[in-house]
Amino acid sequence: MHEHGIAEELVAAVDRNVNSHGGHGAVKVVVEISPGAVEEESLRTAFELAKQDTTSSGAELVLVPVAQEAFCLNCEKTVLLAPSSMPLSGLLACPACGGVATPAFGTSGVTLKSIEIEV
């Protein structure tokens, strides 16, 4: 499951930042997620497991849904996908025609936005 890999990378990034700023630990980790990038509950569970015995062990994970650019395969246009555009089928839907949309090239869909550090 790729959520575990993402959680491990988040914890590693938080640890680097806490250590480089001379902090004692992270209090809050804010992550932006694009539609369809991850399964939120899986990421939360993976983060809880990955943060054990690290500077992130007491950190709250805050997931913030954000819009993302995508290319619609049906109308062949670049569209902006709202955070709520993930249908039950698991495919991203074009807001203009309902066709299948793919995330824009070079976007990961998961961005570490901020870390609140206890000093």
PDB file of N, CA and C in Angstrom:
ATOM      1  N   MET A   1       0.844  -1.174   0.000  1.00  0.00           N
ATOM      2  CA  MET A   1       0.000   0.000   0.000  1.00  0.00           C
ATOM      3  C   MET A   1       0.894   1.243   0.000  1.00  0.00           C
ATOM      4  N   HIS A   2       0.693   2.145  -0.938  1.00  0.00           N
ATOM      5  CA  HIS A   2       1.592   3.289  -1.037  1.00  0.00           C
ATOM      6  C   HIS A   2       1.394   4.311   0.076  1.00  0.00           C
ATOM      7  N   GLU A   3       0.296   4.251   0.806  1.00  0.00           N
ATOM      8  CA  GLU A   3       0.089   5.154   1.933  1.00  0.00           C
ATOM      9  C   GLU A   3       1.150   4.959   3.010  1.00  0.00           C
ATOM     10  N   HIS A   4       1.602   3.712   3.187  1.00  0.00           N
ATOM     11  CA  HIS A   4       2.649   3.444   4.179  1.00  0.00           C
ATOM     12  C   HIS A   4       3.957   4.115   3.777  1.00  0.00           C
ATOM     13  N   GLY A   5       4.296   4.042   2.508  1.00  0.00           N
ATOM     14  CA  GLY A   5       5.501   4.707   2.015  1.00  0.00           C
ATOM     15  C   GLY A   5       5.415   6.218   2.166  1.00  0.00           C
ATOM     16  N   ILE A   6       4.243   6.769   1.875  1.00  0.00           N
ATOM     17  CA  ILE A   6       4.038   8.212   2.025  1.00  0.00           C
ATOM     18  C   ILE A   6       4.171   8.602   3.487  1.00  0.00           C
ATOM     19  N   ALA A   7       3.575   7.814   4.381  1.00  0.00           N
ATOM     20  CA  ALA A   7       3.649   8.110   5.818  1.00  0.00           C
ATOM     21  C   ALA A   7       5.097   8.066   6.302  1.00  0.00           C
ATOM     22  N   GLU A   8       5.854   7.095   5.849  1.00  0.00           N
ATOM     23  CA  GLU A   8       7.263   6.996   6.250  1.00  0.00           C
ATOM     24  C   GLU A   8       8.056   8.196   5.754  1.00  0.00           C
ATOM     25  N   GLU A   9       7.788   8.649   4.532  1.00  0.00           N
ATOM     26  CA  GLU A   9       8.461   9.838   3.999  1.00  0.00           C
ATOM     27  C   GLU A   9       8.069  11.094   4.772  1.00  0.00           C
ATOM     28  N   LEU A  10       6.800  11.210   5.134  1.00  0.00           N
ATOM     29  CA  LEU A  10       6.353  12.357   5.928  1.00  0.00           C
ATOM     30  C   LEU A  10       7.059  12.392   7.273  1.00  0.00           C
ATOM     31  N   VAL A  11       7.118  11.253   7.957  1.00  0.00           N
ATOM     32  CA  VAL A  11       7.773  11.183   9.263  1.00  0.00           C
ATOM     33  C   VAL A  11       9.259  11.511   9.131  1.00  0.00           C
ATOM     34  N   ALA A  12       9.909  11.010   8.095  1.00  0.00           N
ATOM     35  CA  ALA A  12      11.334  11.316   7.880  1.00  0.00           C
ATOM     36  C   ALA A  12      11.541  12.816   7.654  1.00  0.00           C
ATOM     37  N   ALA A  13      10.664  13.433   6.870  1.00  0.00           N
ATOM     38  CA  ALA A  13      10.775  14.873   6.616  1.00  0.00           C
ATOM     39  C   ALA A  13      10.533  15.677   7.887  1.00  0.00           C
ATOM     40  N   VAL A  14       9.563  15.249   8.677  1.00  0.00           N
ATOM     41  CA  VAL A  14       9.278  15.929   9.947  1.00  0.00           C
ATOM     42  C   VAL A  14      10.483  15.801  10.874  1.00  0.00           C
ATOM     43  N   ASP A  15      11.042  14.610  10.992  1.00  0.00           N
ATOM     44  CA  ASP A  15      12.216  14.393  11.845  1.00  0.00           C
ATOM     45  C   ASP A  15      13.378  15.295  11.428  1.00  0.00           C
ATOM     46  N   ARG A  16      13.635  15.387  10.125  1.00  0.00           N
ATOM     47  CA  ARG A  16      14.721  16.254   9.638  1.00  0.00           C
ATOM     48  C   ARG A  16      14.483  17.707  10.048  1.00  0.00           C
ATOM     49  N   ASN A  17      13.246  18.156   9.887  1.00  0.00           N
ATOM     50  CA  ASN A  17      12.921  19.550  10.225  1.00  0.00           C
ATOM     51  C   ASN A  17      12.990  19.804  11.725  1.00  0.00           C
ATOM     52  N   VAL A  18      12.478  18.897  12.521  1.00  0.00           N
ATOM     53  CA  VAL A  18      12.530  19.061  13.979  1.00  0.00           C
ATOM     54  C   VAL A  18      13.984  19.125  14.429  1.00  0.00           C
ATOM     55  N   ASN A  19      14.804  18.212  13.934  1.00  0.00           N
ATOM     56  CA  ASN A  19      16.220  18.178  14.322  1.00  0.00           C
ATOM     57  C   ASN A  19      16.986  19.406  13.838  1.00  0.00           C
ATOM     58  N   SER A  20      16.708  19.863  12.615  1.00  0.00           N
ATOM     59  CA  SER A  20      17.434  21.017  12.082  1.00  0.00           C
ATOM     60  C   SER A  20      17.052  22.321  12.781  1.00  0.00           C
ATOM     61  N   HIS A  21      15.870  22.355  13.403  1.00  0.00           N
ATOM     62  CA  HIS A  21      15.442  23.557  14.128  1.00  0.00           C
ATOM     63  C   HIS A  21      15.650  23.435  15.630  1.00  0.00           C
ATOM     64  N   GLY A  22      16.292  22.361  16.069  1.00  0.00           N
ATOM     65  CA  GLY A  22      16.571  22.182  17.489  1.00  0.00           C
ATOM     66  C   GLY A  22      15.328  21.956  18.328  1.00  0.00           C
ATOM     67  N   GLY A  23      14.303  21.385  17.728  1.00  0.00           N
ATOM     68  CA  GLY A  23      13.053  21.158  18.448  1.00  0.00           C
ATOM     69  C   GLY A  23      13.050  19.860  19.217  1.00  0.00           C
ATOM     70  N   HIS A  24      12.047  19.713  20.074  1.00  0.00           N
ATOM     71  CA  HIS A  24      11.884  18.489  20.858  1.00  0.00           C
ATOM     72  C   HIS A  24      10.975  17.491  20.158  1.00  0.00           C
ATOM     73  N   GLY A  25      10.068  17.999  19.364  1.00  0.00           N
ATOM     74  CA  GLY A  25       9.136  17.122  18.669  1.00  0.00           C
ATOM     75  C   GLY A  25       8.142  17.918  17.859  1.00  0.00           C
ATOM     76  N   ALA A  26       7.431  17.218  17.006  1.00  0.00           N
ATOM     77  CA  ALA A  26       6.394  17.850  16.198  1.00  0.00           C
ATOM     78  C   ALA A  26       5.069  17.786  16.943  1.00  0.00           C
ATOM     79  N   VAL A  27       4.304  18.854  16.839  1.00  0.00           N
ATOM     80  CA  VAL A  27       2.993  18.933  17.475  1.00  0.00           C
ATOM     81  C   VAL A  27       1.890  18.705  16.438  1.00  0.00           C
ATOM     82  N   LYS A  28       2.077  19.289  15.242  1.00  0.00           N
ATOM     83  CA  LYS A  28       1.070  19.193  14.186  1.00  0.00           C
ATOM     84  C   LYS A  28       1.777  19.092  12.836  1.00  0.00           C
ATOM     85  N   VAL A  29       1.267  18.208  11.988  1.00  0.00           N
ATOM     86  CA  VAL A  29       1.781  18.035  10.631  1.00  0.00           C
ATOM     87  C   VAL A  29       0.605  18.262   9.683  1.00  0.00           C
ATOM     88  N   VAL A  30       0.723  19.278   8.830  1.00  0.00           N
ATOM     89  CA  VAL A  30      -0.350  19.613   7.897  1.00  0.00           C
ATOM     90  C   VAL A  30       0.054  19.161   6.497  1.00  0.00           C
ATOM     91  N   VAL A  31      -0.803  18.352   5.888  1.00  0.00           N
ATOM     92  CA  VAL A  31      -0.531  17.771   4.573  1.00  0.00           C
ATOM     93  C   VAL A  31      -1.702  18.068   3.649  1.00  0.00           C
ATOM     94  N   GLU A  32      -1.393  18.599   2.469  1.00  0.00           N
ATOM     95  CA  GLU A  32      -2.425  18.822   1.451  1.00  0.00           C
ATOM     96  C   GLU A  32      -2.521  17.570   0.587  1.00  0.00           C
ATOM     97  N   ILE A  33      -3.762  17.160   0.291  1.00  0.00           N
ATOM     98  CA  ILE A  33      -3.968  15.991  -0.562  1.00  0.00           C
ATOM     99  C   ILE A  33      -4.935  16.341  -1.688  1.00  0.00           C
ATOM    100  N   SER A  34      -4.569  15.924  -2.884  1.00  0.00           N
ATOM    101  CA  SER A  34      -5.405  16.146  -4.063  1.00  0.00           C
ATOM    102  C   SER A  34      -6.384  15.001  -4.224  1.00  0.00           C
ATOM    103  N   PRO A  35      -7.454  15.225  -4.987  1.00  0.00           N
ATOM    104  CA  PRO A  35      -8.447  14.174  -5.206  1.00  0.00           C
ATOM    105  C   PRO A  35      -7.807  12.899  -5.744  1.00  0.00           C
ATOM    106  N   GLY A  36      -8.113  11.770  -5.103  1.00  0.00           N
ATOM    107  CA  GLY A  36      -7.636  10.481  -5.573  1.00  0.00           C
ATOM    108  C   GLY A  36      -6.194  10.148  -5.256  1.00  0.00           C
ATOM    109  N   ALA A  37      -5.465  11.043  -4.580  1.00  0.00           N
ATOM    110  CA  ALA A  37      -4.042  10.805  -4.320  1.00  0.00           C
ATOM    111  C   ALA A  37      -3.816   9.685  -3.311  1.00  0.00           C
ATOM    112  N   VAL A  38      -4.611   9.658  -2.258  1.00  0.00           N
ATOM    113  CA  VAL A  38      -4.469   8.650  -1.209  1.00  0.00           C
ATOM    114  C   VAL A  38      -5.835   8.321  -0.632  1.00  0.00           C
ATOM    115  N   GLU A  39      -5.898   7.210   0.071  1.00  0.00           N
ATOM    116  CA  GLU A  39      -7.080   6.865   0.851  1.00  0.00           C
ATOM    117  C   GLU A  39      -6.810   7.441   2.231  1.00  0.00           C
ATOM    118  N   GLU A  40      -7.602   8.421   2.644  1.00  0.00           N
ATOM    119  CA  GLU A  40      -7.323   9.198   3.859  1.00  0.00           C
ATOM    120  C   GLU A  40      -7.164   8.342   5.108  1.00  0.00           C
ATOM    121  N   GLU A  41      -8.077   7.416   5.351  1.00  0.00           N
ATOM    122  CA  GLU A  41      -7.992   6.611   6.576  1.00  0.00           C
ATOM    123  C   GLU A  41      -6.756   5.721   6.569  1.00  0.00           C
ATOM    124  N   SER A  42      -6.386   5.211   5.395  1.00  0.00           N
ATOM    125  CA  SER A  42      -5.169   4.398   5.294  1.00  0.00           C
ATOM    126  C   SER A  42      -3.939   5.240   5.601  1.00  0.00           C
ATOM    127  N   LEU A  43      -3.917   6.475   5.122  1.00  0.00           N
ATOM    128  CA  LEU A  43      -2.784   7.353   5.400  1.00  0.00           C
ATOM    129  C   LEU A  43      -2.720   7.693   6.880  1.00  0.00           C
ATOM    130  N   ARG A  44      -3.857   7.955   7.498  1.00  0.00           N
ATOM    131  CA  ARG A  44      -3.883   8.252   8.937  1.00  0.00           C
ATOM    132  C   ARG A  44      -3.348   7.066   9.755  1.00  0.00           C
ATOM    133  N   THR A  45      -3.798   5.874   9.415  1.00  0.00           N
ATOM    134  CA  THR A  45      -3.341   4.676  10.116  1.00  0.00           C
ATOM    135  C   THR A  45      -1.848   4.459   9.905  1.00  0.00           C
ATOM    136  N   ALA A  46      -1.395   4.605   8.677  1.00  0.00           N
ATOM    137  CA  ALA A  46       0.026   4.426   8.366  1.00  0.00           C
ATOM    138  C   ALA A  46       0.881   5.456   9.088  1.00  0.00           C
ATOM    139  N   PHE A  47       0.395   6.697   9.191  1.00  0.00           N
ATOM    140  CA  PHE A  47       1.127   7.743   9.891  1.00  0.00           C
ATOM    141  C   PHE A  47       1.245   7.406  11.375  1.00  0.00           C
ATOM    142  N   GLU A  48       0.150   6.916  11.967  1.00  0.00           N
ATOM    143  CA  GLU A  48       0.169   6.532  13.386  1.00  0.00           C
ATOM    144  C   GLU A  48       1.222   5.457  13.641  1.00  0.00           C
ATOM    145  N   LEU A  49       1.352   4.514  12.739  1.00  0.00           N
ATOM    146  CA  LEU A  49       2.352   3.447  12.884  1.00  0.00           C
ATOM    147  C   LEU A  49       3.768   3.965  12.651  1.00  0.00           C
ATOM    148  N   ALA A  50       3.939   4.786  11.617  1.00  0.00           N
ATOM    149  CA  ALA A  50       5.277   5.264  11.240  1.00  0.00           C
ATOM    150  C   ALA A  50       5.857   6.243  12.259  1.00  0.00           C
ATOM    151  N   LYS A  51       5.023   6.977  12.956  1.00  0.00           N
ATOM    152  CA  LYS A  51       5.524   8.026  13.849  1.00  0.00           C
ATOM    153  C   LYS A  51       5.986   7.512  15.207  1.00  0.00           C
ATOM    154  N   GLN A  52       5.729   6.251  15.514  1.00  0.00           N
ATOM    155  CA  GLN A  52       6.115   5.702  16.810  1.00  0.00           C
ATOM    156  C   GLN A  52       7.630   5.807  17.016  1.00  0.00           C
ATOM    157  N   ASP A  53       8.033   6.234  18.213  1.00  0.00           N
ATOM    158  CA  ASP A  53       9.443   6.365  18.600  1.00  0.00           C
ATOM    159  C   ASP A  53      10.223   7.328  17.703  1.00  0.00           C
ATOM    160  N   THR A  54       9.554   8.372  17.216  1.00  0.00           N
ATOM    161  CA  THR A  54      10.217   9.414  16.420  1.00  0.00           C
ATOM    162  C   THR A  54       9.858  10.767  17.015  1.00  0.00           C
ATOM    163  N   THR A  55      10.417  11.825  16.437  1.00  0.00           N
ATOM    164  CA  THR A  55      10.065  13.176  16.896  1.00  0.00           C
ATOM    165  C   THR A  55       8.622  13.522  16.537  1.00  0.00           C
ATOM    166  N   SER A  56       7.996  12.693  15.714  1.00  0.00           N
ATOM    167  CA  SER A  56       6.598  12.896  15.316  1.00  0.00           C
ATOM    168  C   SER A  56       5.618  12.154  16.210  1.00  0.00           C
ATOM    169  N   SER A  57       6.109  11.439  17.220  1.00  0.00           N
ATOM    170  CA  SER A  57       5.246  10.532  17.989  1.00  0.00           C
ATOM    171  C   SER A  57       4.035  11.217  18.622  1.00  0.00           C
ATOM    172  N   GLY A  58       4.135  12.494  18.964  1.00  0.00           N
ATOM    173  CA  GLY A  58       3.007  13.202  19.554  1.00  0.00           C
ATOM    174  C   GLY A  58       2.272  14.091  18.577  1.00  0.00           C
ATOM    175  N   ALA A  59       2.601  14.000  17.302  1.00  0.00           N
ATOM    176  CA  ALA A  59       2.048  14.922  16.306  1.00  0.00           C
ATOM    177  C   ALA A  59       0.649  14.524  15.840  1.00  0.00           C
ATOM    178  N   GLU A  60      -0.158  15.540  15.638  1.00  0.00           N
ATOM    179  CA  GLU A  60      -1.477  15.381  15.035  1.00  0.00           C
ATOM    180  C   GLU A  60      -1.315  15.530  13.527  1.00  0.00           C
ATOM    181  N   LEU A  61      -1.904  14.627  12.757  1.00  0.00           N
ATOM    182  CA  LEU A  61      -1.879  14.715  11.306  1.00  0.00           C
ATOM    183  C   LEU A  61      -3.151  15.411  10.843  1.00  0.00           C
ATOM    184  N   VAL A  62      -2.980  16.528  10.118  1.00  0.00           N
ATOM    185  CA  VAL A  62      -4.116  17.278   9.572  1.00  0.00           C
ATOM    186  C   VAL A  62      -4.066  17.156   8.055  1.00  0.00           C
ATOM    187  N   LEU A  63      -5.097  16.554   7.479  1.00  0.00           N
ATOM    188  CA  LEU A  63      -5.177  16.397   6.028  1.00  0.00           C
ATOM    189  C   LEU A  63      -6.112  17.457   5.467  1.00  0.00           C
ATOM    190  N   VAL A  64      -5.600  18.228   4.500  1.00  0.00           N
ATOM    191  CA  VAL A  64      -6.359  19.320   3.902  1.00  0.00           C
ATOM    192  C   VAL A  64      -6.607  19.001   2.425  1.00  0.00           C
ATOM    193  N   PRO A  65      -7.849  18.728   2.049  1.00  0.00           N
ATOM    194  CA  PRO A  65      -8.146  18.473   0.636  1.00  0.00           C
ATOM    195  C   PRO A  65      -7.960  19.749  -0.194  1.00  0.00           C
ATOM    196  N   VAL A  66      -7.298  19.617  -1.345  1.00  0.00           N
ATOM    197  CA  VAL A  66      -7.077  20.749  -2.241  1.00  0.00           C
ATOM    198  C   VAL A  66      -7.444  20.358  -3.668  1.00  0.00           C
ATOM    199  N   ALA A  67      -7.719  21.362  -4.485  1.00  0.00           N
ATOM    200  CA  ALA A  67      -8.015  21.133  -5.901  1.00  0.00           C
ATOM    201  C   ALA A  67      -6.738  20.750  -6.639  1.00  0.00           C
ATOM    202  N   GLN A  68      -6.905  20.101  -7.786  1.00  0.00           N
ATOM    203  CA  GLN A  68      -5.752  19.689  -8.588  1.00  0.00           C
ATOM    204  C   GLN A  68      -6.080  19.779 -10.066  1.00  0.00           C
ATOM    205  N   GLU A  69      -5.089  20.164 -10.854  1.00  0.00           N
ATOM    206  CA  GLU A  69      -5.274  20.168 -12.302  1.00  0.00           C
ATOM    207  C   GLU A  69      -5.215  18.742 -12.820  1.00  0.00           C
ATOM    208  N   ALA A  70      -6.045  18.470 -13.813  1.00  0.00           N
ATOM    209  CA  ALA A  70      -6.066  17.157 -14.444  1.00  0.00           C
ATOM    210  C   ALA A  70      -6.392  17.333 -15.920  1.00  0.00           C
ATOM    211  N   PHE A  71      -6.129  16.276 -16.687  1.00  0.00           N
ATOM    212  CA  PHE A  71      -6.438  16.296 -18.115  1.00  0.00           C
ATOM    213  C   PHE A  71      -7.590  15.336 -18.359  1.00  0.00           C
ATOM    214  N   CYS A  72      -8.665  15.838 -18.959  1.00  0.00           N
ATOM    215  CA  CYS A  72      -9.816  15.000 -19.271  1.00  0.00           C
ATOM    216  C   CYS A  72      -9.554  14.241 -20.566  1.00  0.00           C
ATOM    217  N   LEU A  73      -9.673  12.925 -20.508  1.00  0.00           N
ATOM    218  CA  LEU A  73      -9.435  12.091 -21.686  1.00  0.00           C
ATOM    219  C   LEU A  73     -10.573  12.179 -22.692  1.00  0.00           C
ATOM    220  N   ASN A  74     -11.740  12.631 -22.244  1.00  0.00           N
ATOM    221  CA  ASN A  74     -12.905  12.723 -23.119  1.00  0.00           C
ATOM    222  C   ASN A  74     -12.960  14.062 -23.857  1.00  0.00           C
ATOM    223  N   CYS A  75     -12.932  15.175 -23.114  1.00  0.00           N
ATOM    224  CA  CYS A  75     -13.030  16.484 -23.779  1.00  0.00           C
ATOM    225  C   CYS A  75     -11.652  17.068 -24.105  1.00  0.00           C
ATOM    226  N   GLU A  76     -10.587  16.359 -23.729  1.00  0.00           N
ATOM    227  CA  GLU A  76      -9.207  16.728 -24.055  1.00  0.00           C
ATOM    228  C   GLU A  76      -8.861  18.148 -23.624  1.00  0.00           C
ATOM    229  N   LYS A  77      -9.247  18.487 -22.387  1.00  0.00           N
ATOM    230  CA  LYS A  77      -8.950  19.795 -21.825  1.00  0.00           C
ATOM    231  C   LYS A  77      -8.346  19.619 -20.439  1.00  0.00           C
ATOM    232  N   THR A  78      -7.567  20.612 -20.033  1.00  0.00           N
ATOM    233  CA  THR A  78      -7.077  20.642 -18.665  1.00  0.00           C
ATOM    234  C   THR A  78      -8.170  21.235 -17.803  1.00  0.00           C
ATOM    235  N   VAL A  79      -8.509  20.535 -16.723  1.00  0.00           N
ATOM    236  CA  VAL A  79      -9.600  20.956 -15.843  1.00  0.00           C
ATOM    237  C   VAL A  79      -9.091  21.020 -14.409  1.00  0.00           C
ATOM    238  N   LEU A  80      -9.807  21.710 -13.567  1.00  0.00           N
ATOM    239  CA  LEU A  80      -9.478  21.787 -12.151  1.00  0.00           C
ATOM    240  C   LEU A  80     -10.433  20.879 -11.396  1.00  0.00           C
ATOM    241  N   LEU A  81      -9.869  19.885 -10.701  1.00  0.00           N
ATOM    242  CA  LEU A  81     -10.675  18.936  -9.939  1.00  0.00           C
ATOM    243  C   LEU A  81     -10.838  19.440  -8.517  1.00  0.00           C
ATOM    244  N   ALA A  82     -12.059  19.577  -8.095  1.00  0.00           N
ATOM    245  CA  ALA A  82     -12.347  19.979  -6.714  1.00  0.00           C
ATOM    246  C   ALA A  82     -12.041  18.805  -5.797  1.00  0.00           C
ATOM    247  N   PRO A  83     -11.768  19.081  -4.522  1.00  0.00           N
ATOM    248  CA  PRO A  83     -11.485  17.990  -3.588  1.00  0.00           C
ATOM    249  C   PRO A  83     -12.588  16.930  -3.522  1.00  0.00           C
ATOM    250  N   SER A  84     -13.810  17.282  -3.853  1.00  0.00           N
ATOM    251  CA  SER A  84     -14.926  16.335  -3.774  1.00  0.00           C
ATOM    252  C   SER A  84     -15.173  15.584  -5.074  1.00  0.00           C
ATOM    253  N   SER A  85     -14.243  15.649  -6.034  1.00  0.00           N
ATOM    254  CA  SER A  85     -14.498  15.054  -7.353  1.00  0.00           C
ATOM    255  C   SER A  85     -14.102  13.588  -7.454  1.00  0.00           C
ATOM    256  N   MET A  86     -13.907  12.914  -6.324  1.00  0.00           N
ATOM    257  CA  MET A  86     -13.562  11.498  -6.334  1.00  0.00           C
ATOM    258  C   MET A  86     -14.834  10.670  -6.216  1.00  0.00           C
ATOM    259  N   PRO A  87     -15.302  10.091  -7.317  1.00  0.00           N
ATOM    260  CA  PRO A  87     -16.518   9.284  -7.257  1.00  0.00           C
ATOM    261  C   PRO A  87     -16.257   7.921  -6.600  1.00  0.00           C
ATOM    262  N   LEU A  88     -17.301   7.191  -6.318  1.00  0.00           N
ATOM    263  CA  LEU A  88     -17.179   5.886  -5.673  1.00  0.00           C
ATOM    264  C   LEU A  88     -16.392   4.886  -6.509  1.00  0.00           C
ATOM    265  N   SER A  89     -16.347   5.078  -7.812  1.00  0.00           N
ATOM    266  CA  SER A  89     -15.641   4.140  -8.691  1.00  0.00           C
ATOM    267  C   SER A  89     -14.135   4.187  -8.489  1.00  0.00           C
ATOM    268  N   GLY A  90     -13.636   5.235  -7.848  1.00  0.00           N
ATOM    269  CA  GLY A  90     -12.202   5.368  -7.647  1.00  0.00           C
ATOM    270  C   GLY A  90     -11.512   6.134  -8.759  1.00  0.00           C
ATOM    271  N   LEU A  91     -12.247   6.513  -9.801  1.00  0.00           N
ATOM    272  CA  LEU A  91     -11.668   7.268 -10.907  1.00  0.00           C
ATOM    273  C   LEU A  91     -11.967   8.747 -10.720  1.00  0.00           C
ATOM    274  N   LEU A  92     -11.060   9.586 -11.203  1.00  0.00           N
ATOM    275  CA  LEU A  92     -11.287  11.025 -11.152  1.00  0.00           C
ATOM    276  C   LEU A  92     -12.227  11.403 -12.290  1.00  0.00           C
ATOM    277  N   ALA A  93     -13.215  12.244 -11.996  1.00  0.00           N
ATOM    278  CA  ALA A  93     -14.217  12.615 -12.985  1.00  0.00           C
ATOM    279  C   ALA A  93     -14.039  14.064 -13.415  1.00  0.00           C
ATOM    280  N   CYS A  94     -14.120  14.300 -14.706  1.00  0.00           N
ATOM    281  CA  CYS A  94     -14.057  15.649 -15.263  1.00  0.00           C
ATOM    282  C   CYS A  94     -15.301  16.417 -14.835  1.00  0.00           C
ATOM    283  N   PRO A  95     -15.128  17.638 -14.300  1.00  0.00           N
ATOM    284  CA  PRO A  95     -16.297  18.416 -13.878  1.00  0.00           C
ATOM    285  C   PRO A  95     -17.120  18.931 -15.060  1.00  0.00           C
ATOM    286  N   ALA A  96     -16.538  18.972 -16.256  1.00  0.00           N
ATOM    287  CA  ALA A  96     -17.254  19.491 -17.418  1.00  0.00           C
ATOM    288  C   ALA A  96     -18.130  18.425 -18.088  1.00  0.00           C
ATOM    289  N   CYS A  97     -17.566  17.200 -18.271  1.00  0.00           N
ATOM    290  CA  CYS A  97     -18.312  16.193 -19.029  1.00  0.00           C
ATOM    291  C   CYS A  97     -18.539  14.887 -18.270  1.00  0.00           C
ATOM    292  N   GLY A  98     -17.882  14.713 -17.126  1.00  0.00           N
ATOM    293  CA  GLY A  98     -18.032  13.483 -16.359  1.00  0.00           C
ATOM    294  C   GLY A  98     -17.107  12.368 -16.799  1.00  0.00           C
ATOM    295  N   GLY A  99     -16.290  12.644 -17.824  1.00  0.00           N
ATOM    296  CA  GLY A  99     -15.347  11.637 -18.312  1.00  0.00           C
ATOM    297  C   GLY A  99     -14.194  11.413 -17.346  1.00  0.00           C
ATOM    298  N   VAL A 100     -13.365  10.432 -17.654  1.00  0.00           N
ATOM    299  CA  VAL A 100     -12.220  10.104 -16.810  1.00  0.00           C
ATOM    300  C   VAL A 100     -11.135  11.157 -16.987  1.00  0.00           C
ATOM    301  N   ALA A 101     -10.619  11.649 -15.863  1.00  0.00           N
ATOM    302  CA  ALA A 101      -9.554  12.655 -15.879  1.00  0.00           C
ATOM    303  C   ALA A 101      -8.325  12.058 -15.195  1.00  0.00           C
ATOM    304  N   THR A 102      -7.147  12.447 -15.668  1.00  0.00           N
ATOM    305  CA  THR A 102      -5.893  11.985 -15.066  1.00  0.00           C
ATOM    306  C   THR A 102      -5.160  13.183 -14.478  1.00  0.00           C
ATOM    307  N   PRO A 103      -4.519  13.007 -13.319  1.00  0.00           N
ATOM    308  CA  PRO A 103      -3.791  14.125 -12.708  1.00  0.00           C
ATOM    309  C   PRO A 103      -2.744  14.689 -13.667  1.00  0.00           C
ATOM    310  N   ALA A 104      -2.533  16.003 -13.576  1.00  0.00           N
ATOM    311  CA  ALA A 104      -1.550  16.667 -14.432  1.00  0.00           C
ATOM    312  C   ALA A 104      -0.167  16.095 -14.167  1.00  0.00           C
ATOM    313  N   PHE A 105       0.644  16.025 -15.194  1.00  0.00           N
ATOM    314  CA  PHE A 105       2.000  15.475 -15.097  1.00  0.00           C
ATOM    315  C   PHE A 105       2.817  16.250 -14.073  1.00  0.00           C
ATOM    316  N   GLY A 106       3.541  15.530 -13.250  1.00  0.00           N
ATOM    317  CA  GLY A 106       4.435  16.168 -12.282  1.00  0.00           C
ATOM    318  C   GLY A 106       3.792  16.502 -10.952  1.00  0.00           C
ATOM    319  N   THR A 107       2.539  16.129 -10.755  1.00  0.00           N
ATOM    320  CA  THR A 107       1.895  16.404  -9.477  1.00  0.00           C
ATOM    321  C   THR A 107       1.796  15.112  -8.685  1.00  0.00           C
ATOM    322  N   SER A 108       2.204  15.180  -7.422  1.00  0.00           N
ATOM    323  CA  SER A 108       2.164  13.968  -6.600  1.00  0.00           C
ATOM    324  C   SER A 108       0.832  13.814  -5.903  1.00  0.00           C
ATOM    325  N   GLY A 109       0.160  14.923  -5.646  1.00  0.00           N
ATOM    326  CA  GLY A 109      -1.095  14.856  -4.953  1.00  0.00           C
ATOM    327  C   GLY A 109      -0.989  14.900  -3.444  1.00  0.00           C
ATOM    328  N   VAL A 110       0.249  14.818  -2.918  1.00  0.00           N
ATOM    329  CA  VAL A 110       0.481  14.874  -1.475  1.00  0.00           C
ATOM    330  C   VAL A 110       1.602  15.873  -1.224  1.00  0.00           C
ATOM    331  N   THR A 111       1.317  16.919  -0.429  1.00  0.00           N
ATOM    332  CA  THR A 111       2.309  17.958  -0.155  1.00  0.00           C
ATOM    333  C   THR A 111       2.376  18.237   1.337  1.00  0.00           C
ATOM    334  N   LEU A 112       3.575  18.131   1.892  1.00  0.00           N
ATOM    335  CA  LEU A 112       3.783  18.511   3.293  1.00  0.00           C
ATOM    336  C   LEU A 112       3.749  20.027   3.336  1.00  0.00           C
ATOM    337  N   LYS A 113       2.719  20.587   3.938  1.00  0.00           N
ATOM    338  CA  LYS A 113       2.497  22.033   3.918  1.00  0.00           C
ATOM    339  C   LYS A 113       3.149  22.737   5.097  1.00  0.00           C
ATOM    340  N   SER A 114       3.021  22.191   6.297  1.00  0.00           N
ATOM    341  CA  SER A 114       3.623  22.836   7.463  1.00  0.00           C
ATOM    342  C   SER A 114       3.816  21.838   8.599  1.00  0.00           C
ATOM    343  N   ILE A 115       4.737  22.219   9.499  1.00  0.00           N
ATOM    344  CA  ILE A 115       5.019  21.422  10.679  1.00  0.00           C
ATOM    345  C   ILE A 115       5.058  22.372  11.863  1.00  0.00           C
ATOM    346  N   GLU A 116       4.281  22.082  12.874  1.00  0.00           N
ATOM    347  CA  GLU A 116       4.351  22.853  14.123  1.00  0.00           C
ATOM    348  C   GLU A 116       5.296  22.105  15.043  1.00  0.00           C
ATOM    349  N   ILE A 117       6.374  22.801  15.459  1.00  0.00           N
ATOM    350  CA  ILE A 117       7.442  22.168  16.231  1.00  0.00           C
ATOM    351  C   ILE A 117       7.450  22.694  17.661  1.00  0.00           C
ATOM    352  N   GLU A 118       7.603  21.777  18.609  1.00  0.00           N
ATOM    353  CA  GLU A 118       7.757  22.131  20.020  1.00  0.00           C
ATOM    354  C   GLU A 118       9.236  22.377  20.286  1.00  0.00           C
ATOM    355  N   VAL A 119       9.564  23.587  20.759  1.00  0.00           N
ATOM    356  CA  VAL A 119      10.969  23.912  21.031  1.00  0.00           C
ATOM    357  C   VAL A 119      11.259  23.951  22.515  1.00  0.00           C
TER     358      VAL A 119
END
